[in-house]
Protein backbone atom coordinates (compact mmCIF):
# COMPACT_ATOMS: atom_id res chain seq x y z
CA MET A 1 -13.02 12.39 34.72
CA SER A 2 -11.82 12.27 31.10
CA ASN A 3 -10.35 9.05 29.66
CA ASP A 4 -7.14 9.43 27.63
CA SER A 5 -8.24 6.85 25.05
CA THR A 6 -9.61 8.11 21.73
CA THR A 7 -10.17 4.70 20.12
CA LEU A 8 -12.89 2.11 20.52
CA SER A 9 -10.99 -1.07 19.66
CA ALA A 10 -12.29 -4.61 19.31
CA ALA A 11 -8.91 -6.32 19.08
CA GLY A 12 -8.89 -10.07 19.41
CA VAL A 13 -8.35 -13.40 17.68
CA ARG A 14 -9.04 -13.30 13.96
CA ALA A 15 -12.23 -15.36 13.96
CA ARG A 16 -15.98 -14.89 13.90
CA VAL A 17 -17.13 -12.82 16.86
CA THR A 18 -19.74 -14.33 19.16
CA VAL A 19 -22.63 -12.50 20.78
CA GLU A 20 -21.00 -12.97 24.20
CA GLN A 21 -17.74 -11.45 22.97
CA ALA A 22 -19.59 -8.52 21.43
CA GLU A 23 -21.39 -7.87 24.72
CA GLU A 24 -18.08 -7.85 26.60
CA ILE A 25 -16.55 -5.46 24.06
CA CYS A 26 -19.54 -3.16 24.39
CA ARG A 27 -19.20 -3.09 28.18
CA LYS A 28 -15.57 -1.99 27.86
CA TRP A 29 -16.48 0.64 25.30
CA GLN A 30 -19.29 1.98 27.43
CA ALA A 31 -16.87 2.37 30.33
CA GLN A 32 -14.63 4.50 28.12
CA LEU A 33 -17.55 6.63 27.04
CA ASP A 34 -18.86 7.00 30.59
CA GLY A 35 -15.37 8.10 31.60
CA GLY A 36 -15.62 11.05 29.24
CA ALA A 37 -13.53 9.75 26.34
CA ILE A 38 -13.92 11.67 23.07
CA ILE A 39 -13.82 8.92 20.49
CA THR A 40 -12.07 9.72 17.22
CA LYS A 41 -11.40 6.20 15.92
CA ILE A 42 -13.39 2.98 15.65
CA ASP A 43 -11.35 -0.19 15.01
CA VAL A 44 -13.22 -3.47 14.56
CA SER A 45 -10.85 -4.83 11.90
CA CYS A 46 -9.65 -8.39 11.25
CA ARG A 47 -12.56 -10.17 12.88
CA ALA A 48 -15.73 -11.48 11.19
CA TRP A 49 -18.76 -9.57 12.48
CA PRO A 50 -22.25 -11.05 11.99
CA LEU A 51 -24.97 -8.42 12.17
CA GLU A 52 -26.36 -9.83 15.42
CA CYS A 53 -23.01 -9.08 17.08
CA LEU A 54 -22.71 -5.61 15.59
CA LEU A 55 -26.15 -4.77 16.96
CA LYS A 56 -24.74 -5.32 20.46
CA LEU A 57 -22.34 -2.42 19.78
CA GLU A 58 -24.98 -0.07 18.40
CA THR A 59 -25.59 1.99 21.54
CA ALA A 60 -21.91 2.70 22.10
CA LEU A 61 -21.20 3.37 18.43
CA SER A 62 -24.15 5.72 18.13
CA GLN A 63 -22.92 7.65 21.17
CA ALA A 64 -19.44 7.95 19.66
CA ALA A 65 -20.56 8.65 16.09
CA PRO A 66 -20.58 12.49 16.18
CA THR A 67 -16.88 12.72 17.04
CA VAL A 68 -15.50 9.80 15.03
CA GLN A 69 -12.88 10.66 12.40
CA ILE A 70 -11.48 7.23 11.42
CA LEU A 71 -13.35 4.01 10.63
CA GLN A 72 -11.12 0.93 10.61
CA ILE A 73 -13.53 -1.69 9.26
CA ASP A 74 -11.21 -3.78 7.11
CA ASP A 75 -11.58 -7.56 6.93
CA ILE A 76 -14.86 -7.76 8.85
CA ILE A 77 -16.95 -10.11 6.68
CA ALA A 78 -14.61 -13.02 5.94
CA SER A 79 -16.40 -16.40 6.10
CA LEU A 80 -19.86 -14.80 6.33
CA PRO A 81 -22.51 -15.77 3.75
CA THR A 82 -22.88 -13.10 1.08
CA ASP A 83 -26.13 -11.56 2.30
CA ASP A 84 -24.88 -11.58 5.90
CA GLY A 85 -21.74 -9.77 4.78
CA PHE A 86 -23.85 -7.15 3.04
CA ALA A 87 -25.91 -6.70 6.20
CA SER A 88 -22.80 -6.14 8.30
CA LEU A 89 -21.43 -3.54 5.89
CA GLY A 90 -24.82 -1.88 5.77
CA PHE A 91 -24.81 -1.57 9.56
CA PHE A 92 -21.88 0.87 9.41
CA ASN A 93 -23.53 2.74 6.58
CA ARG A 94 -26.58 3.25 8.83
CA ILE A 95 -24.71 4.19 12.01
CA PHE A 96 -22.27 6.65 10.41
CA PRO A 97 -24.09 8.68 7.75
CA PRO A 98 -22.61 12.13 6.97
CA SER A 99 -25.43 13.86 8.84
CA VAL A 100 -24.50 12.04 12.08
CA SER A 101 -20.73 11.64 11.60
CA PRO A 102 -19.58 14.69 9.66
CA LYS A 103 -16.00 14.45 10.97
CA ILE A 104 -15.11 11.11 9.35
CA HIS A 105 -12.15 11.66 7.02
CA THR A 106 -10.61 8.15 6.84
CA ILE A 107 -12.28 4.83 6.01
CA ASP A 108 -10.50 1.50 5.57
CA LEU A 109 -12.64 -1.17 3.91
CA SER A 110 -9.75 -3.33 2.71
CA ASP A 111 -10.04 -7.13 2.60
CA ASN A 112 -13.81 -7.00 2.33
CA ALA A 113 -15.36 -8.48 -0.82
CA LEU A 114 -16.98 -5.56 -2.62
CA GLY A 115 -19.01 -6.57 -5.63
CA THR A 116 -21.44 -4.14 -7.26
CA ARG A 117 -24.20 -5.32 -4.94
CA ALA A 118 -22.02 -4.64 -1.91
CA LEU A 119 -21.55 -1.02 -2.97
CA LEU A 120 -25.30 -0.52 -2.87
CA HIS A 121 -25.19 -1.19 0.89
CA ILE A 122 -22.56 1.48 1.69
CA PRO A 123 -23.40 4.63 -0.32
CA ASP A 124 -23.24 6.91 2.74
CA LEU A 125 -19.78 5.59 3.62
CA LEU A 126 -18.32 6.27 0.19
CA ALA A 127 -20.23 9.20 -1.29
CA ARG A 128 -19.68 11.55 1.62
CA PRO A 129 -18.31 15.08 1.92
CA GLY A 130 -15.08 15.35 3.87
CA LEU A 131 -13.74 11.90 2.96
CA GLU A 132 -9.97 12.33 2.59
CA ARG A 133 -8.55 8.81 2.87
CA LEU A 134 -10.13 5.68 1.40
CA ARG A 135 -8.48 2.26 1.44
CA LEU A 136 -9.95 -0.54 -0.64
CA THR A 137 -7.03 -2.95 -0.97
CA ASN A 138 -7.73 -6.60 -1.79
CA CYS A 139 -11.48 -6.24 -2.12
CA GLY A 140 -11.86 -8.36 -5.26
CA MET A 141 -13.25 -5.38 -7.14
CA SER A 142 -14.02 -5.95 -10.83
CA LYS A 143 -14.07 -3.47 -13.69
CA GLU A 144 -17.81 -3.00 -13.09
CA VAL A 145 -17.18 -2.17 -9.44
CA ALA A 146 -14.44 0.26 -10.44
CA GLU A 147 -16.89 2.11 -12.67
CA ALA A 148 -19.55 2.25 -9.96
CA LEU A 149 -17.02 3.30 -7.34
CA ALA A 150 -15.65 6.11 -9.49
CA THR A 151 -19.18 7.42 -9.99
CA MET A 152 -19.89 7.34 -6.25
CA LEU A 153 -16.69 9.18 -5.36
CA MET A 154 -16.75 11.77 -8.13
CA ALA A 155 -18.79 14.48 -6.38
CA ASN A 156 -16.30 14.75 -3.52
CA ALA A 157 -13.15 13.72 -5.39
CA SER A 158 -11.47 17.07 -4.86
CA GLU A 159 -11.26 16.28 -1.12
CA LEU A 160 -9.53 12.91 -1.51
CA LYS A 161 -5.91 12.84 -0.31
CA GLU A 162 -5.41 9.07 -0.28
CA LEU A 163 -6.86 6.36 -2.51
CA ARG A 164 -5.66 2.74 -2.16
CA LEU A 165 -6.98 0.31 -4.77
CA GLY A 166 -4.28 -2.38 -4.80
CA ARG A 167 -4.71 -6.12 -5.34
CA ASN A 168 -8.08 -5.96 -7.06
CA GLN A 169 -9.31 -7.30 -10.41
CA MET A 170 -10.19 -4.11 -12.23
CA HIS A 171 -7.97 -4.69 -15.27
CA LYS A 172 -7.65 -2.10 -18.07
CA GLU A 173 -11.33 -1.16 -18.13
CA GLY A 174 -11.39 -0.48 -14.41
CA ALA A 175 -8.20 1.55 -14.75
CA ALA A 176 -9.94 3.77 -17.28
CA SER A 177 -12.78 4.45 -14.81
CA ILE A 178 -10.35 5.23 -11.99
CA ALA A 179 -8.34 7.48 -14.33
CA THR A 180 -11.43 9.62 -14.88
CA LEU A 181 -11.80 9.92 -11.11
CA LEU A 182 -8.13 10.85 -10.72
CA THR A 183 -8.53 13.90 -12.92
CA GLN A 184 -10.70 15.43 -10.19
CA CYS A 185 -8.53 14.46 -7.18
CA THR A 186 -6.67 17.75 -7.00
CA GLN A 187 -5.43 17.20 -3.43
CA LEU A 188 -4.28 13.60 -3.92
CA GLU A 189 -1.17 12.72 -1.90
CA LYS A 190 -1.17 8.90 -1.83
CA PHE A 191 -2.31 6.65 -4.66
CA GLY A 192 -2.01 2.86 -4.95
CA TYR A 193 -3.03 0.69 -7.87
CA ASP A 194 -0.58 -2.11 -7.14
CA GLY A 195 -1.40 -5.56 -8.46
CA SER A 196 -4.75 -4.57 -9.96
CA ARG A 197 -3.67 -5.71 -13.43
CA PRO A 198 -4.15 -2.68 -15.68
CA LEU A 199 -1.83 -4.05 -18.37
CA ARG A 200 -0.32 -1.64 -20.91
CA GLU A 201 -3.58 0.03 -21.96
CA GLY A 202 -4.85 0.53 -18.43
CA THR A 203 -1.50 1.91 -17.28
CA VAL A 204 -1.69 4.51 -20.05
CA SER A 205 -5.12 5.50 -18.74
CA LEU A 206 -3.86 5.81 -15.16
CA VAL A 207 -0.83 7.96 -15.94
CA ASN A 208 -2.93 10.13 -18.26
CA GLY A 209 -5.32 10.65 -15.36
CA LEU A 210 -2.44 11.59 -13.07
CA GLN A 211 -1.06 13.99 -15.66
CA ALA A 212 -4.48 15.64 -16.05
CA LEU A 213 -4.56 15.95 -12.27
CA VAL A 214 -1.18 17.71 -12.30
CA GLU A 215 -2.34 20.15 -14.96
CA LYS A 216 -5.54 20.90 -13.07
CA SER A 217 -3.46 21.48 -9.92
CA GLY A 218 -1.42 24.23 -11.54
CA GLY A 219 1.47 22.17 -12.85
CA THR A 220 2.72 20.71 -9.54
CA SER A 221 1.29 17.57 -7.97
CA SER A 222 0.71 16.93 -4.28
CA LEU A 223 1.77 13.30 -4.61
CA VAL A 224 3.74 11.95 -1.66
CA GLU A 225 3.32 8.20 -2.25
CA LEU A 226 2.79 6.47 -5.59
CA ASP A 227 2.45 2.67 -5.72
CA LEU A 228 2.18 1.39 -9.29
CA ASN A 229 3.53 -2.12 -8.77
CA ASP A 230 2.63 -4.40 -11.68
CA CYS A 231 1.59 -1.54 -13.95
CA PHE A 232 3.29 -1.66 -17.36
CA PHE A 233 5.11 1.49 -18.45
CA GLY A 234 7.42 0.05 -21.07
CA SER A 235 10.85 1.46 -21.80
CA GLY A 236 9.54 4.46 -23.73
CA GLU A 237 10.65 3.06 -27.06
CA GLU A 238 7.14 2.10 -28.19
CA GLU A 239 4.60 4.76 -29.16
CA GLU A 240 1.94 3.28 -26.88
CA ASP A 241 4.21 3.11 -23.80
CA ALA A 242 3.02 4.91 -20.68
CA LEU A 243 6.52 5.85 -19.60
CA PRO A 244 6.76 9.34 -21.19
CA THR A 245 3.62 10.49 -19.39
CA LEU A 246 4.75 8.90 -16.13
CA LEU A 247 7.98 10.86 -16.41
CA GLN A 248 6.01 14.09 -16.79
CA VAL A 249 4.11 13.26 -13.59
CA ILE A 250 7.33 12.45 -11.73
CA ARG A 251 9.06 15.66 -12.84
CA THR A 252 6.23 17.68 -11.33
CA SER A 253 6.08 15.74 -8.03
CA PRO A 254 8.64 17.39 -5.73
CA HIS A 255 6.95 16.11 -2.56
CA LEU A 256 7.28 12.42 -3.49
CA THR A 257 8.79 10.28 -0.71
CA LYS A 258 7.63 6.80 -1.75
CA LEU A 259 7.74 5.36 -5.26
CA ILE A 260 7.02 1.78 -6.33
CA VAL A 261 7.44 0.87 -10.00
CA LYS A 262 8.20 -2.81 -9.48
CA ASP A 263 7.61 -5.08 -12.47
CA GLY A 264 6.88 -2.08 -14.69
CA GLY A 265 8.80 -3.21 -17.78
CA LEU A 266 11.14 -0.20 -17.71
CA GLU A 267 14.38 -1.99 -18.61
CA LEU A 268 17.63 -0.05 -18.34
CA THR A 269 16.78 2.80 -20.71
CA GLY A 270 13.44 3.44 -19.04
CA PHE A 271 14.99 3.27 -15.59
CA GLU A 272 17.67 5.81 -16.52
CA ALA A 273 14.94 8.11 -17.82
CA LEU A 274 13.03 7.64 -14.56
CA VAL A 275 16.11 8.56 -12.53
CA GLU A 276 16.55 11.71 -14.60
CA ALA A 277 12.92 12.68 -13.98
CA LEU A 278 13.32 12.08 -10.24
CA VAL A 279 16.44 14.23 -10.16
CA ASN A 280 14.60 17.00 -12.01
CA SER A 281 11.73 16.82 -9.53
CA GLY A 282 13.98 17.33 -6.53
CA ALA A 283 12.05 14.62 -4.66
CA GLN A 284 13.77 13.23 -1.57
CA LEU A 285 12.63 9.61 -1.64
CA LYS A 286 12.54 7.61 1.57
CA TYR A 287 11.16 4.44 -0.02
CA LEU A 288 12.10 3.21 -3.49
CA ASP A 289 11.03 -0.08 -5.07
CA VAL A 290 12.59 -0.88 -8.44
CA GLY A 291 12.17 -4.64 -8.24
CA ALA A 292 11.86 -6.92 -11.28
CA LEU A 293 13.12 -4.36 -13.83
CA ASP A 294 16.06 -6.46 -15.12
CA LEU A 295 18.50 -3.66 -14.37
CA GLU A 296 21.63 -5.87 -14.34
CA GLU A 297 25.05 -4.42 -13.51
CA ASP A 298 24.63 -1.19 -15.51
CA GLY A 299 21.35 -0.53 -13.76
CA ALA A 300 23.05 -1.06 -10.42
CA THR A 301 25.55 1.63 -11.35
CA ALA A 302 22.79 4.06 -12.34
CA LEU A 303 20.91 3.33 -9.12
CA ALA A 304 24.03 3.70 -6.98
CA ASP A 305 24.92 7.03 -8.62
CA TYR A 306 21.39 8.33 -8.03
CA ILE A 307 21.44 7.34 -4.37
CA ARG A 308 24.93 8.76 -3.81
CA ASP A 309 24.14 12.11 -5.40
CA HIS A 310 20.52 12.62 -4.33
CA LEU A 311 19.17 10.13 -1.75
CA LYS A 312 22.04 9.31 0.55
CA GLU A 313 20.53 11.18 3.51
CA SER A 314 16.84 10.46 2.92
CA LEU A 315 16.65 6.80 1.86
CA VAL A 316 15.03 4.46 4.41
CA GLU A 317 13.91 1.47 2.31
CA LEU A 318 15.34 0.11 -0.94
CA HIS A 319 13.78 -2.82 -2.79
CA ALA A 320 15.81 -4.05 -5.76
CA GLU A 321 14.85 -7.71 -5.94
CA THR A 322 14.85 -9.79 -9.15
CA ASN A 323 17.16 -7.52 -11.14
CA THR A 324 20.02 -9.88 -12.10
CA LEU A 325 22.46 -7.56 -10.36
CA GLU A 326 24.90 -10.39 -9.66
CA ASP A 327 27.93 -10.00 -7.43
CA ALA A 328 29.45 -6.97 -9.16
CA GLY A 329 26.20 -5.01 -9.20
CA VAL A 330 25.52 -5.65 -5.53
CA GLN A 331 29.06 -4.59 -4.66
CA THR A 332 28.49 -1.33 -6.56
CA LEU A 333 25.32 -0.72 -4.56
CA LEU A 334 26.90 -1.59 -1.23
CA ASP A 335 29.72 0.89 -1.81
CA VAL A 336 27.05 3.60 -1.60
CA LEU A 337 24.59 2.07 0.85
CA VAL A 338 27.16 1.83 3.63
CA GLU A 339 27.16 5.64 3.61
CA CYS A 340 23.36 5.99 3.93
CA PRO A 341 22.76 6.96 7.58
CA ASN A 342 19.02 6.23 7.59
CA LEU A 343 18.69 3.06 5.50
CA ARG A 344 16.66 0.54 7.52
CA VAL A 345 15.44 -2.03 4.97
CA LEU A 346 17.22 -3.58 1.98
CA ASP A 347 15.74 -6.26 -0.27
CA LEU A 348 18.09 -8.01 -2.70
CA THR A 349 16.03 -11.16 -3.26
CA GLU A 350 16.80 -13.19 -6.40
CA ASN A 351 19.77 -11.33 -7.84
CA LEU A 352 22.02 -14.31 -8.71
CA LEU A 353 24.42 -13.66 -5.85
CA GLU A 354 27.25 -16.13 -5.46
CA ALA A 355 30.19 -16.37 -3.08
CA ASP A 356 31.62 -12.92 -3.88
CA GLY A 357 28.24 -11.26 -3.42
CA PHE A 358 27.69 -12.89 -0.04
CA GLN A 359 31.19 -11.95 1.02
CA ALA A 360 30.52 -8.37 -0.06
CA LEU A 361 27.54 -8.33 2.32
CA VAL A 362 29.84 -9.47 5.11
CA ASP A 363 32.49 -6.88 4.30
CA ASN A 364 30.11 -3.94 3.88
CA ARG A 365 27.99 -3.66 6.98
CA ILE A 366 25.34 -0.92 6.68
CA PRO A 367 25.36 0.73 10.12
CA SER A 368 21.69 1.75 10.23
CA LEU A 369 20.21 -1.35 8.56
CA GLN A 370 17.64 -3.34 10.53
CA LYS A 371 16.25 -5.72 7.91
CA LEU A 372 18.03 -7.50 5.05
CA VAL A 373 16.27 -9.83 2.59
CA ILE A 374 18.51 -11.96 0.35
CA LYS A 375 16.34 -14.97 -0.45
CA GLU A 376 16.69 -17.01 -3.65
CA ASN A 377 20.35 -16.16 -4.19
CA MET A 378 21.88 -19.66 -4.34
CA GLU A 379 22.39 -19.49 -0.59
CA GLU A 380 22.49 -23.28 -0.44
CA ASP A 381 25.88 -23.15 -2.20
CA ILE A 382 27.40 -20.59 0.17
CA ASP A 383 29.66 -21.47 3.08
CA GLY A 384 27.52 -21.82 6.19
CA ASP A 385 29.79 -19.62 8.29
CA VAL A 386 29.36 -16.76 5.81
CA VAL A 387 25.58 -17.09 5.91
CA GLU A 388 25.55 -17.20 9.71
CA THR A 389 27.77 -14.14 9.85
CA ILE A 390 25.27 -12.24 7.71
CA ARG A 391 22.38 -13.48 9.87
CA GLY A 392 24.09 -11.98 12.90
CA MET A 393 24.68 -8.58 11.36
CA TYR A 394 21.14 -7.19 11.53
CA SER A 395 17.98 -7.57 13.61
CA ILE A 396 16.08 -9.31 10.80
CA VAL A 397 17.84 -11.28 8.06
CA LEU A 398 15.79 -13.42 5.67
CA VAL A 399 17.93 -15.83 3.66
CA ALA A 400 15.91 -19.00 3.12
CA ASP A 401 12.31 -19.25 1.92
CA ASP A 402 11.21 -20.68 5.24
CA ASP A 403 12.65 -17.80 7.28
CA ARG A 404 9.95 -16.22 9.39
CA GLU A 405 8.88 -12.76 8.26
CA GLU A 406 8.58 -10.21 11.05
CA THR A 407 7.23 -6.70 11.35
CA ILE A 408 9.63 -3.81 11.67
CA ALA A 409 8.66 -0.22 12.39
CA VAL A 410 10.38 2.06 9.89
CA THR A 411 9.56 5.30 8.17
CA ALA A 412 7.56 4.86 4.98
CA ALA A 413 6.87 1.20 5.75
CA PRO A 414 4.68 -0.70 3.27
CA ALA A 415 1.13 -1.74 3.98
CA GLY A 416 0.37 -4.57 6.37
CA GLU A 417 0.07 -8.23 5.62
CA VAL A 418 -2.58 -9.62 3.34
CA LYS A 419 -5.42 -11.36 5.09
CA ASP A 420 -7.33 -14.25 3.53
CA GLY A 421 -11.02 -14.94 3.24
CA SER A 422 -13.91 -13.11 1.60
CA VAL A 423 -17.53 -13.21 0.60
CA ASP A 424 -18.96 -13.31 -2.90
CA ASP A 425 -15.85 -13.27 -5.10
CA LEU A 426 -12.06 -13.73 -5.28
CA ALA A 427 -10.85 -11.23 -2.69
CA GLY A 428 -9.62 -13.99 -0.41
CA ALA A 429 -8.00 -15.88 -3.26
CA LEU A 430 -6.06 -12.79 -4.28
CA GLY A 431 -4.40 -12.72 -0.89
CA ALA A 432 -2.91 -16.14 -1.55
CA VAL A 433 -1.70 -15.39 -5.07
CA LYS A 434 1.65 -13.80 -5.82
CA ILE A 435 0.74 -10.92 -8.11
């Protein structure tokens, strides 16, 4: 009799797995397989797996390997000695080569420390035909790793639809290597280079790579999600600014639903140019992050006009933190946001809100909103009754720094929480640093 389950999951406490635990997991998995389950996903994430424990799973994994499509092996070597971590990564390389597991299209290796030596242990995971989605967030990758990775992925780059490289240490040189890879990713839909520190020069490389990709794709990109947090575009006033090329990419990205340009140095003139490019593209954004752009009140007006005229029906998440919007700017935004029927998440952290701004939040309830973040807005000076009223307006309201963050299921939600720990380099440290 067939089992409905299609996943072999090893969910449990985030700690090092013991041999006894691995044996129990294997017994459960074998029962699924014996019941006729066709396994399409393996999930052993967020637990440290010594090789001796992985070997207990080998029989079940080998049986499932021909039908597996998704490998969720993120954060599996935290706290392990370097060579032991390499051995554990190499185990998956051995069990799931392309010849045995030709259906694998998605691999998540995030939160595993991947130095150049680590890559040598997983060539069959990375350099494989049919790989469409690869996630390598917070892996401590250096510029040397970026170069090696780009070389490994190049032969099958035209099949990649998702490439996540956020929170690494690749800097401008690594960005140049990834840019060369991007020129061949003609089906790319989701790209993330958030917090990987490309600086101005590396950002120019990345957007040039994206523009070459657009040209190779016939003048229209397939991009659906673009996360360029902490890349530096400039305002377009300097000759070396990346903004003009970014605008070309945006204009030719009609399918874009998620855009993050936080901390991109756009300033007001660059932001207005970005809005114009988005309007020209016809993109119906669901998720927009324009945090830390110093938009001030005029920027709030430009953002409000854009939402009113083009995003009112589609917008689900808006992040506008650290923009010095002040009370008047937030009021301008709220006048529009109360009319957005699908807005679920709003982040107005650190915008110099005072009494009038907090009162505006009270007076302008957004009917669909589920999560409001208004930290670092002089809340300690606001009447307690006003703050408590706001707290009661939505399911999740974060006002003070010690408010507990919670997960909320919304369309176009950002990636999950950062996990600490690593082998061999600074991947774990990156998770604790505010990029």
